[in-house]
Amino acid sequence: VQLQASGGGLVQAGGSLSLSCVVSIYTLDYYALGWFRQAPGKEREVVSSISASGLKSFYEDSVKGRFTISRDNAKKTFYLQMNSLKPEDTAVYYCAIAVPPSGPDYMDRIFTVGRDYDYWGRGTLVTVSS
């Protein structure tokens, strides 16, 4: 399984970027998906995640209302639309996928901890200038 993140770059504060993560896998249908970021000198943190069903999503407080996660299982790709970017959003952004453990409502489970994810892509750098 391979994940390839793209879409990072340099943008001015207030601008937008759209990150994509293409997954080389037989099917993405049963995986929960997530975006994480790591800023210089800081620990990795979850930015957003979406359930396998696509019906449940999570956003870190600082990005609520500005970022949107989405998935296209047919294209085996998921996205992070980032609007109203701020300098504090500057970080390396990573995409990851998780296999939900079996059980009731497993397709609606959200994962917000890195250790719950099974596969990771290489990061893409987002730099927001003030």
N, C-alpha and C. Protein backbone atom coordinates (compact mmCIF):
# COMPACT_ATOMS: atom_id res chain seq x y z
N VAL A 1 0.85 -1.18 0.00
CA VAL A 1 0.00 0.00 0.00
C VAL A 1 0.89 1.23 0.00
N GLN A 2 0.59 2.16 -0.90
CA GLN A 2 1.35 3.40 -0.96
C GLN A 2 0.40 4.59 -0.99
N LEU A 3 0.78 5.65 -0.30
CA LEU A 3 0.01 6.88 -0.30
C LEU A 3 0.90 8.00 -0.82
N GLN A 4 0.35 8.80 -1.72
CA GLN A 4 1.10 9.90 -2.28
C GLN A 4 0.32 11.19 -2.08
N ALA A 5 0.85 12.03 -1.21
CA ALA A 5 0.22 13.33 -0.95
C ALA A 5 0.81 14.38 -1.87
N SER A 6 -0.04 15.29 -2.28
CA SER A 6 0.41 16.39 -3.14
C SER A 6 -0.46 17.60 -2.89
N GLY A 7 -0.04 18.73 -3.46
CA GLY A 7 -0.84 19.94 -3.38
C GLY A 7 -0.30 21.00 -2.45
N GLY A 8 0.75 20.68 -1.73
CA GLY A 8 1.33 21.68 -0.86
C GLY A 8 2.02 22.78 -1.64
N GLY A 9 2.40 23.82 -0.93
CA GLY A 9 3.08 24.92 -1.58
C GLY A 9 3.12 26.14 -0.70
N LEU A 10 3.48 27.24 -1.31
CA LEU A 10 3.57 28.52 -0.61
C LEU A 10 2.34 29.36 -0.96
N VAL A 11 1.70 29.88 0.06
CA VAL A 11 0.50 30.69 -0.16
C VAL A 11 0.48 31.82 0.86
N GLN A 12 -0.12 32.90 0.49
CA GLN A 12 -0.25 34.02 1.43
C GLN A 12 -1.39 33.76 2.40
N ALA A 13 -1.31 34.36 3.54
CA ALA A 13 -2.37 34.24 4.54
C ALA A 13 -3.69 34.67 3.91
N GLY A 14 -4.73 33.89 4.20
CA GLY A 14 -6.03 34.14 3.62
C GLY A 14 -6.28 33.35 2.36
N GLY A 15 -5.24 32.76 1.82
CA GLY A 15 -5.37 31.99 0.60
C GLY A 15 -5.84 30.57 0.83
N SER A 16 -5.88 29.79 -0.25
CA SER A 16 -6.39 28.43 -0.20
C SER A 16 -5.42 27.46 -0.87
N LEU A 17 -5.46 26.24 -0.40
CA LEU A 17 -4.75 25.13 -1.04
C LEU A 17 -5.62 23.90 -0.93
N SER A 18 -5.45 23.00 -1.89
CA SER A 18 -6.17 21.74 -1.86
C SER A 18 -5.17 20.60 -1.90
N LEU A 19 -5.14 19.82 -0.85
CA LEU A 19 -4.25 18.67 -0.78
C LEU A 19 -4.98 17.43 -1.28
N SER A 20 -4.23 16.57 -1.95
CA SER A 20 -4.77 15.30 -2.41
C SER A 20 -3.89 14.18 -1.90
N CYS A 21 -4.50 13.03 -1.70
CA CYS A 21 -3.75 11.84 -1.31
C CYS A 21 -4.26 10.68 -2.15
N VAL A 22 -3.42 10.20 -3.04
CA VAL A 22 -3.77 9.07 -3.89
C VAL A 22 -3.25 7.80 -3.24
N VAL A 23 -4.10 6.82 -3.13
CA VAL A 23 -3.74 5.58 -2.44
C VAL A 23 -3.66 4.44 -3.44
N SER A 24 -2.54 3.78 -3.43
CA SER A 24 -2.38 2.60 -4.28
C SER A 24 -2.83 1.39 -3.48
N ILE A 25 -4.05 0.97 -3.74
CA ILE A 25 -4.67 -0.09 -2.95
C ILE A 25 -5.79 -0.70 -3.76
N TYR A 26 -6.17 -1.93 -3.44
CA TYR A 26 -7.23 -2.57 -4.20
C TYR A 26 -8.55 -1.81 -4.07
N THR A 27 -8.91 -1.47 -2.83
CA THR A 27 -10.11 -0.69 -2.59
C THR A 27 -9.91 0.17 -1.35
N LEU A 28 -10.43 1.39 -1.42
CA LEU A 28 -10.34 2.31 -0.29
C LEU A 28 -11.61 2.28 0.55
N ASP A 29 -12.59 1.51 0.10
CA ASP A 29 -13.94 1.58 0.66
C ASP A 29 -14.01 1.35 2.17
N TYR A 30 -13.15 0.52 2.70
CA TYR A 30 -13.30 0.11 4.10
C TYR A 30 -12.29 0.76 5.03
N TYR A 31 -11.65 1.81 4.54
CA TYR A 31 -10.64 2.48 5.34
C TYR A 31 -11.13 3.84 5.84
N ALA A 32 -10.82 4.13 7.09
CA ALA A 32 -10.96 5.49 7.59
C ALA A 32 -9.72 6.26 7.15
N LEU A 33 -9.88 7.55 6.94
CA LEU A 33 -8.81 8.36 6.38
C LEU A 33 -8.51 9.54 7.27
N GLY A 34 -7.26 9.99 7.22
CA GLY A 34 -6.92 11.12 8.06
C GLY A 34 -5.82 11.99 7.49
N TRP A 35 -5.83 13.22 7.89
CA TRP A 35 -4.76 14.17 7.58
C TRP A 35 -4.14 14.62 8.90
N PHE A 36 -2.83 14.61 8.94
CA PHE A 36 -2.08 15.05 10.10
C PHE A 36 -1.10 16.14 9.64
N ARG A 37 -0.56 16.86 10.58
CA ARG A 37 0.46 17.85 10.24
C ARG A 37 1.49 17.93 11.36
N GLN A 38 2.67 18.34 10.97
CA GLN A 38 3.73 18.54 11.94
C GLN A 38 4.46 19.82 11.59
N ALA A 39 4.38 20.77 12.49
CA ALA A 39 5.07 22.05 12.32
C ALA A 39 6.47 21.94 12.91
N PRO A 40 7.38 22.78 12.48
CA PRO A 40 8.75 22.73 13.01
C PRO A 40 8.77 22.85 14.53
N GLY A 41 9.44 21.93 15.16
CA GLY A 41 9.58 21.97 16.61
C GLY A 41 8.36 21.52 17.38
N LYS A 42 7.35 21.04 16.67
CA LYS A 42 6.12 20.61 17.34
C LYS A 42 5.84 19.14 17.05
N GLU A 43 4.98 18.57 17.86
CA GLU A 43 4.58 17.19 17.63
C GLU A 43 3.54 17.12 16.51
N ARG A 44 3.48 15.95 15.92
CA ARG A 44 2.46 15.70 14.90
C ARG A 44 1.08 15.78 15.54
N GLU A 45 0.13 16.37 14.82
CA GLU A 45 -1.23 16.46 15.32
C GLU A 45 -2.22 16.11 14.22
N VAL A 46 -3.36 15.62 14.65
CA VAL A 46 -4.40 15.33 13.69
C VAL A 46 -5.04 16.64 13.23
N VAL A 47 -5.31 16.73 11.97
CA VAL A 47 -6.00 17.90 11.41
C VAL A 47 -7.46 17.57 11.15
N SER A 48 -7.66 16.44 10.48
CA SER A 48 -9.02 16.06 10.12
C SER A 48 -9.04 14.57 9.82
N SER A 49 -10.20 13.96 10.01
CA SER A 49 -10.35 12.56 9.67
C SER A 49 -11.78 12.30 9.21
N ILE A 50 -11.95 11.22 8.48
CA ILE A 50 -13.26 10.87 7.95
C ILE A 50 -13.43 9.36 8.04
N SER A 51 -14.65 8.96 8.34
CA SER A 51 -14.93 7.54 8.52
C SER A 51 -14.94 6.81 7.18
N ALA A 52 -14.91 5.50 7.25
CA ALA A 52 -14.97 4.69 6.04
C ALA A 52 -16.26 4.95 5.27
N SER A 53 -17.34 5.18 6.00
CA SER A 53 -18.63 5.44 5.36
C SER A 53 -18.67 6.81 4.70
N GLY A 54 -17.80 7.70 5.16
CA GLY A 54 -17.84 9.08 4.69
C GLY A 54 -18.87 9.93 5.40
N LEU A 55 -19.59 9.33 6.34
CA LEU A 55 -20.69 10.05 6.99
C LEU A 55 -20.24 10.78 8.25
N LYS A 56 -19.11 10.40 8.80
CA LYS A 56 -18.61 11.02 10.02
C LYS A 56 -17.27 11.68 9.72
N SER A 57 -17.07 12.85 10.31
CA SER A 57 -15.79 13.53 10.13
C SER A 57 -15.41 14.26 11.41
N PHE A 58 -14.13 14.54 11.49
CA PHE A 58 -13.57 15.22 12.66
C PHE A 58 -12.66 16.33 12.17
N TYR A 59 -12.68 17.45 12.88
CA TYR A 59 -11.76 18.55 12.60
C TYR A 59 -11.15 19.04 13.89
N GLU A 60 -9.87 19.28 13.85
CA GLU A 60 -9.19 19.90 14.97
C GLU A 60 -9.75 21.30 15.13
N ASP A 61 -9.85 21.77 16.36
CA ASP A 61 -10.56 23.03 16.62
C ASP A 61 -10.06 24.19 15.78
N SER A 62 -8.76 24.29 15.61
CA SER A 62 -8.22 25.47 14.93
C SER A 62 -8.54 25.52 13.43
N VAL A 63 -8.99 24.39 12.88
CA VAL A 63 -9.27 24.37 11.44
C VAL A 63 -10.76 24.28 11.13
N LYS A 64 -11.57 24.16 12.16
CA LYS A 64 -13.02 24.05 11.94
C LYS A 64 -13.53 25.27 11.19
N GLY A 65 -14.35 25.01 10.19
CA GLY A 65 -14.90 26.10 9.40
C GLY A 65 -13.99 26.57 8.28
N ARG A 66 -12.75 26.11 8.29
CA ARG A 66 -11.81 26.54 7.24
C ARG A 66 -11.37 25.36 6.36
N PHE A 67 -11.26 24.19 6.93
CA PHE A 67 -10.80 23.01 6.20
C PHE A 67 -11.95 22.04 5.98
N THR A 68 -11.89 21.32 4.88
CA THR A 68 -12.90 20.31 4.57
C THR A 68 -12.22 19.05 4.05
N ILE A 69 -12.54 17.93 4.68
CA ILE A 69 -12.02 16.65 4.22
C ILE A 69 -13.07 15.97 3.36
N SER A 70 -12.62 15.27 2.34
CA SER A 70 -13.55 14.53 1.49
C SER A 70 -12.84 13.32 0.90
N ARG A 71 -13.63 12.42 0.36
CA ARG A 71 -13.05 11.21 -0.21
C ARG A 71 -13.76 10.84 -1.49
N ASP A 72 -13.02 10.23 -2.40
CA ASP A 72 -13.57 9.71 -3.64
C ASP A 72 -13.05 8.29 -3.77
N ASN A 73 -13.84 7.34 -3.32
CA ASN A 73 -13.37 5.95 -3.30
C ASN A 73 -13.09 5.43 -4.70
N ALA A 74 -13.88 5.86 -5.67
CA ALA A 74 -13.68 5.39 -7.05
C ALA A 74 -12.30 5.79 -7.56
N LYS A 75 -11.84 6.96 -7.15
CA LYS A 75 -10.51 7.43 -7.56
C LYS A 75 -9.43 7.04 -6.57
N LYS A 76 -9.85 6.39 -5.48
CA LYS A 76 -8.89 5.99 -4.43
C LYS A 76 -8.09 7.20 -3.97
N THR A 77 -8.79 8.26 -3.77
CA THR A 77 -8.16 9.53 -3.44
C THR A 77 -8.98 10.24 -2.38
N PHE A 78 -8.30 10.93 -1.46
CA PHE A 78 -9.01 11.80 -0.56
C PHE A 78 -8.32 13.15 -0.51
N TYR A 79 -9.05 14.11 0.02
CA TYR A 79 -8.66 15.50 -0.16
C TYR A 79 -8.75 16.27 1.16
N LEU A 80 -8.04 17.36 1.20
CA LEU A 80 -8.18 18.32 2.28
C LEU A 80 -8.19 19.70 1.64
N GLN A 81 -9.36 20.30 1.61
CA GLN A 81 -9.50 21.66 1.11
C GLN A 81 -9.23 22.61 2.25
N MET A 82 -8.27 23.49 2.05
CA MET A 82 -7.86 24.41 3.12
C MET A 82 -8.09 25.84 2.65
N ASN A 83 -8.99 26.51 3.34
CA ASN A 83 -9.31 27.90 3.02
C ASN A 83 -8.90 28.81 4.18
N SER A 84 -8.84 30.08 3.90
CA SER A 84 -8.50 31.08 4.91
C SER A 84 -7.27 30.67 5.69
N LEU A 85 -6.26 30.31 4.98
CA LEU A 85 -5.04 29.80 5.62
C LEU A 85 -4.36 30.86 6.46
N LYS A 86 -3.76 30.40 7.54
CA LYS A 86 -3.06 31.27 8.48
C LYS A 86 -1.61 30.84 8.57
N PRO A 87 -0.74 31.74 8.97
CA PRO A 87 0.68 31.35 9.14
C PRO A 87 0.86 30.15 10.07
N GLU A 88 0.01 30.03 11.06
CA GLU A 88 0.12 28.90 11.99
C GLU A 88 -0.29 27.57 11.37
N ASP A 89 -0.81 27.59 10.17
CA ASP A 89 -1.10 26.34 9.45
C ASP A 89 0.15 25.79 8.76
N THR A 90 1.22 26.55 8.78
CA THR A 90 2.46 26.10 8.15
C THR A 90 2.95 24.81 8.81
N ALA A 91 3.14 23.79 8.00
CA ALA A 91 3.54 22.47 8.51
C ALA A 91 3.73 21.53 7.33
N VAL A 92 4.29 20.38 7.64
CA VAL A 92 4.27 19.27 6.69
C VAL A 92 2.99 18.49 6.96
N TYR A 93 2.22 18.27 5.92
CA TYR A 93 0.95 17.59 6.04
C TYR A 93 1.09 16.15 5.54
N TYR A 94 0.55 15.22 6.33
CA TYR A 94 0.64 13.80 6.02
C TYR A 94 -0.76 13.21 5.89
N CYS A 95 -0.91 12.30 4.94
CA CYS A 95 -2.16 11.57 4.84
C CYS A 95 -1.93 10.14 5.35
N ALA A 96 -3.00 9.56 5.86
CA ALA A 96 -2.90 8.22 6.44
C ALA A 96 -4.24 7.50 6.33
N ILE A 97 -4.17 6.17 6.34
CA ILE A 97 -5.40 5.38 6.28
C ILE A 97 -5.40 4.36 7.40
N ALA A 98 -6.59 4.02 7.87
CA ALA A 98 -6.73 3.10 9.00
C ALA A 98 -7.80 2.07 8.69
N VAL A 99 -7.53 0.84 9.06
CA VAL A 99 -8.52 -0.20 8.94
C VAL A 99 -9.32 -0.24 10.24
N PRO A 100 -10.61 0.11 10.19
CA PRO A 100 -11.39 0.05 11.42
C PRO A 100 -11.48 -1.38 11.94
N PRO A 101 -11.31 -1.59 13.21
CA PRO A 101 -11.52 -2.93 13.75
C PRO A 101 -12.98 -3.33 13.59
N SER A 102 -13.21 -4.61 13.42
CA SER A 102 -14.57 -5.08 13.22
C SER A 102 -15.41 -4.80 14.45
N GLY A 103 -16.68 -4.67 14.24
CA GLY A 103 -17.59 -4.39 15.34
C GLY A 103 -18.73 -3.54 14.84
N PRO A 104 -19.67 -3.29 15.72
CA PRO A 104 -20.82 -2.49 15.29
C PRO A 104 -20.39 -1.09 14.89
N ASP A 105 -21.01 -0.63 13.81
CA ASP A 105 -20.76 0.73 13.32
C ASP A 105 -19.30 0.98 12.94
N TYR A 106 -18.59 -0.07 12.58
CA TYR A 106 -17.17 0.12 12.28
C TYR A 106 -16.97 1.06 11.11
N MET A 107 -17.92 1.12 10.21
CA MET A 107 -17.77 1.99 9.04
C MET A 107 -17.90 3.46 9.42
N ASP A 108 -18.43 3.75 10.60
CA ASP A 108 -18.62 5.13 11.02
C ASP A 108 -17.59 5.58 12.06
N ARG A 109 -16.61 4.76 12.30
CA ARG A 109 -15.63 5.12 13.32
C ARG A 109 -14.65 6.15 12.80
N ILE A 110 -14.29 7.06 13.70
CA ILE A 110 -13.32 8.12 13.42
C ILE A 110 -12.06 7.85 14.23
N PHE A 111 -10.92 8.10 13.64
CA PHE A 111 -9.65 7.90 14.34
C PHE A 111 -8.88 9.21 14.38
N THR A 112 -8.46 9.61 15.55
CA THR A 112 -7.78 10.89 15.70
C THR A 112 -6.38 10.75 16.27
N VAL A 113 -5.93 9.52 16.45
CA VAL A 113 -4.61 9.27 17.02
C VAL A 113 -3.74 8.60 15.98
N GLY A 114 -2.53 9.05 15.85
CA GLY A 114 -1.67 8.52 14.81
C GLY A 114 -1.44 7.03 14.88
N ARG A 115 -1.33 6.49 16.08
CA ARG A 115 -1.04 5.06 16.21
C ARG A 115 -2.17 4.18 15.72
N ASP A 116 -3.35 4.75 15.50
CA ASP A 116 -4.47 3.98 14.99
C ASP A 116 -4.42 3.81 13.47
N TYR A 117 -3.50 4.53 12.84
CA TYR A 117 -3.42 4.47 11.39
C TYR A 117 -2.39 3.44 10.94
N ASP A 118 -2.72 2.77 9.84
CA ASP A 118 -1.91 1.65 9.39
C ASP A 118 -0.89 2.01 8.31
N TYR A 119 -1.25 2.96 7.48
CA TYR A 119 -0.36 3.33 6.38
C TYR A 119 -0.29 4.85 6.29
N TRP A 120 0.90 5.31 5.94
CA TRP A 120 1.17 6.75 5.88
C TRP A 120 1.82 7.10 4.56
N GLY A 121 1.53 8.31 4.13
CA GLY A 121 2.21 8.85 2.97
C GLY A 121 3.34 9.77 3.41
N ARG A 122 4.18 10.09 2.47
CA ARG A 122 5.19 11.11 2.73
C ARG A 122 4.49 12.45 2.76
N GLY A 123 5.02 13.35 3.48
CA GLY A 123 4.36 14.62 3.68
C GLY A 123 4.47 15.56 2.50
N THR A 124 3.62 16.56 2.53
CA THR A 124 3.69 17.65 1.57
C THR A 124 3.73 18.95 2.38
N LEU A 125 4.64 19.82 2.02
CA LEU A 125 4.88 21.02 2.81
C LEU A 125 3.91 22.13 2.43
N VAL A 126 3.29 22.69 3.44
CA VAL A 126 2.42 23.86 3.28
C VAL A 126 3.05 25.02 4.04
N THR A 127 3.30 26.08 3.33
CA THR A 127 3.89 27.27 3.94
C THR A 127 2.96 28.44 3.71
N VAL A 128 2.55 29.07 4.80
CA VAL A 128 1.64 30.21 4.71
C VAL A 128 2.39 31.44 5.18
N SER A 129 2.53 32.39 4.30
CA SER A 129 3.26 33.61 4.63
C SER A 129 2.29 34.69 5.14
N SER A 130 2.81 35.51 6.02
CA SER A 130 1.95 36.56 6.60
C SER A 130 1.98 37.83 5.77
